Amino acid sequence: MGGLCAEQTERAGEEGNSLRRKSGIPQYHLLLEISLKFAIGKIELEKCQPDEMPSIAEQMHIEIIQPTAQETASFHRLPKLRHKDPFDRMIIWQAIQQPLVLISKDGDFQSTGNSG
């Protein structure tokens, strides 16, 4: 994988089903997923480390929206969907709860339309 860290963060956000509200993204989950995948060698980043991504987001005027305690505790209420990935499911749940507009190229996200 080539490119700058910020570009890869953007690409990962697209692959990780980014959510946007004004200039904010609830990508606490994305940052965790990137960090985990980086640690096990599943993804490579050039010119930065995962722990630099929050400051890169800040420089780009992107707010990282943290999940609330209520969103985390009520996550079990998300109906069973085709989507099994826990990171994606939490992003879906957070979008339903806040409410946010969910934008994704992942076709499985369409099945969440009736969930909230």
Protein backbone atom coordinates (compact mmCIF):
# COMPACT_ATOMS: atom_id res chain seq x y z
CA MET A 1 0.00 0.00 0.00
CA GLY A 2 1.43 3.34 -0.95
CA GLY A 3 0.53 6.87 -0.08
CA LEU A 4 0.60 9.25 2.81
CA CYS A 5 -0.80 8.30 6.16
CA ALA A 6 -3.61 10.83 5.82
CA GLU A 7 -4.53 9.38 2.43
CA GLN A 8 -4.53 5.88 3.89
CA THR A 9 -6.62 7.05 6.81
CA GLU A 10 -9.13 8.43 4.32
CA ARG A 11 -9.02 5.23 2.28
CA ALA A 12 -9.41 3.13 5.44
CA GLY A 13 -12.33 5.36 6.40
CA GLU A 14 -13.97 4.55 3.09
CA GLU A 15 -13.24 0.86 3.52
CA GLY A 16 -14.22 1.03 7.18
CA ASN A 17 -17.48 2.75 6.26
CA SER A 18 -16.89 6.29 7.32
CA LEU A 19 -19.61 8.34 8.94
CA ARG A 20 -19.67 12.08 8.68
CA ARG A 21 -21.55 14.70 10.66
CA LYS A 22 -20.52 18.19 9.70
CA SER A 23 -16.75 17.86 10.08
CA GLY A 24 -16.89 14.98 12.53
CA ILE A 25 -16.48 11.28 12.13
CA PRO A 26 -17.21 8.71 14.82
CA GLN A 27 -14.04 6.92 13.98
CA TYR A 28 -12.88 5.90 17.41
CA HIS A 29 -13.73 2.43 16.06
CA LEU A 30 -11.80 3.04 12.85
CA LEU A 31 -8.72 4.15 14.78
CA LEU A 32 -8.93 1.04 16.95
CA GLU A 33 -9.35 -1.20 13.92
CA ILE A 34 -6.40 0.43 12.11
CA SER A 35 -4.23 0.10 15.21
CA LEU A 36 -5.13 -3.58 15.65
CA LYS A 37 -4.58 -4.42 11.98
CA PHE A 38 -1.30 -2.50 11.96
CA ALA A 39 -0.11 -4.40 15.05
CA ILE A 40 -0.73 -7.81 13.44
CA GLY A 41 0.71 -6.77 10.08
CA LYS A 42 -2.58 -6.86 8.19
CA ILE A 43 -2.11 -3.27 6.94
CA GLU A 44 0.90 -1.08 6.30
CA LEU A 45 1.11 2.67 6.75
CA GLU A 46 3.76 4.89 5.24
CA LYS A 47 5.13 8.03 6.85
CA CYS A 48 3.16 7.67 10.09
CA GLN A 49 2.09 5.35 12.86
CA PRO A 50 -1.50 4.71 13.99
CA ASP A 51 -0.97 6.76 17.15
CA GLU A 52 -0.30 9.83 14.96
CA MET A 53 -3.73 9.67 13.31
CA PRO A 54 -5.65 11.67 15.94
CA SER A 55 -3.30 14.62 15.46
CA ILE A 56 -3.57 14.25 11.65
CA ALA A 57 -7.37 14.33 11.97
CA GLU A 58 -7.07 17.44 14.15
CA GLN A 59 -4.85 19.14 11.56
CA MET A 60 -7.51 18.34 8.95
CA HIS A 61 -10.17 19.87 11.26
CA ILE A 62 -11.90 16.50 11.65
CA GLU A 63 -13.49 15.82 15.02
CA ILE A 64 -13.25 12.25 16.30
CA ILE A 65 -16.66 11.49 17.79
CA GLN A 66 -16.39 9.14 20.75
CA PRO A 67 -19.16 6.63 21.44
CA THR A 68 -21.23 7.54 24.46
CA ALA A 69 -21.61 5.18 27.40
CA GLN A 70 -25.28 4.72 26.45
CA GLU A 71 -24.39 3.84 22.83
CA THR A 72 -21.87 1.30 24.03
CA ALA A 73 -24.19 -0.23 26.65
CA SER A 74 -27.16 -0.43 24.28
CA PHE A 75 -25.16 -1.87 21.36
CA HIS A 76 -26.73 -5.30 21.99
CA ARG A 77 -30.05 -3.89 20.70
CA LEU A 78 -28.79 -3.65 17.12
CA PRO A 79 -30.75 -6.33 15.23
CA LYS A 80 -28.87 -9.21 13.69
CA LEU A 81 -27.71 -8.11 10.26
CA ARG A 82 -25.68 -9.61 7.46
CA HIS A 83 -22.86 -7.46 8.76
CA LYS A 84 -20.91 -9.44 11.35
CA ASP A 85 -17.87 -7.17 11.77
CA PRO A 86 -18.09 -5.70 15.29
CA PHE A 87 -16.37 -2.45 14.26
CA ASP A 88 -18.81 -1.89 11.40
CA ARG A 89 -21.76 -2.84 13.59
CA MET A 90 -20.74 -0.28 16.23
CA ILE A 91 -20.44 2.42 13.55
CA ILE A 92 -23.94 1.47 12.36
CA TRP A 93 -25.30 1.61 15.91
CA GLN A 94 -23.66 4.94 16.63
CA ALA A 95 -25.15 6.38 13.41
CA ILE A 96 -28.60 5.18 14.44
CA GLN A 97 -28.31 6.53 17.98
CA GLN A 98 -26.92 10.02 17.26
CA PRO A 99 -28.58 10.08 14.45
CA LEU A 100 -25.95 10.45 11.74
CA VAL A 101 -25.96 9.88 8.01
CA LEU A 102 -24.09 6.71 7.15
CA ILE A 103 -22.18 6.78 3.88
CA SER A 104 -20.56 3.59 2.67
CA LYS A 105 -19.68 1.75 -0.50
CA ASP A 106 -20.26 -1.51 1.39
CA GLY A 107 -23.47 -3.06 0.07
CA ASP A 108 -24.16 -4.85 3.36
CA PHE A 109 -24.81 -1.49 5.00
CA GLN A 110 -28.01 -1.14 2.98
CA SER A 111 -29.54 -3.88 5.11
CA THR A 112 -29.38 -1.53 8.11
CA GLY A 113 -31.98 0.84 6.68
CA ASN A 114 -34.82 -0.62 8.76
CA SER A 115 -32.78 -0.68 11.97
CA GLY A 116 -33.07 2.94 12.91
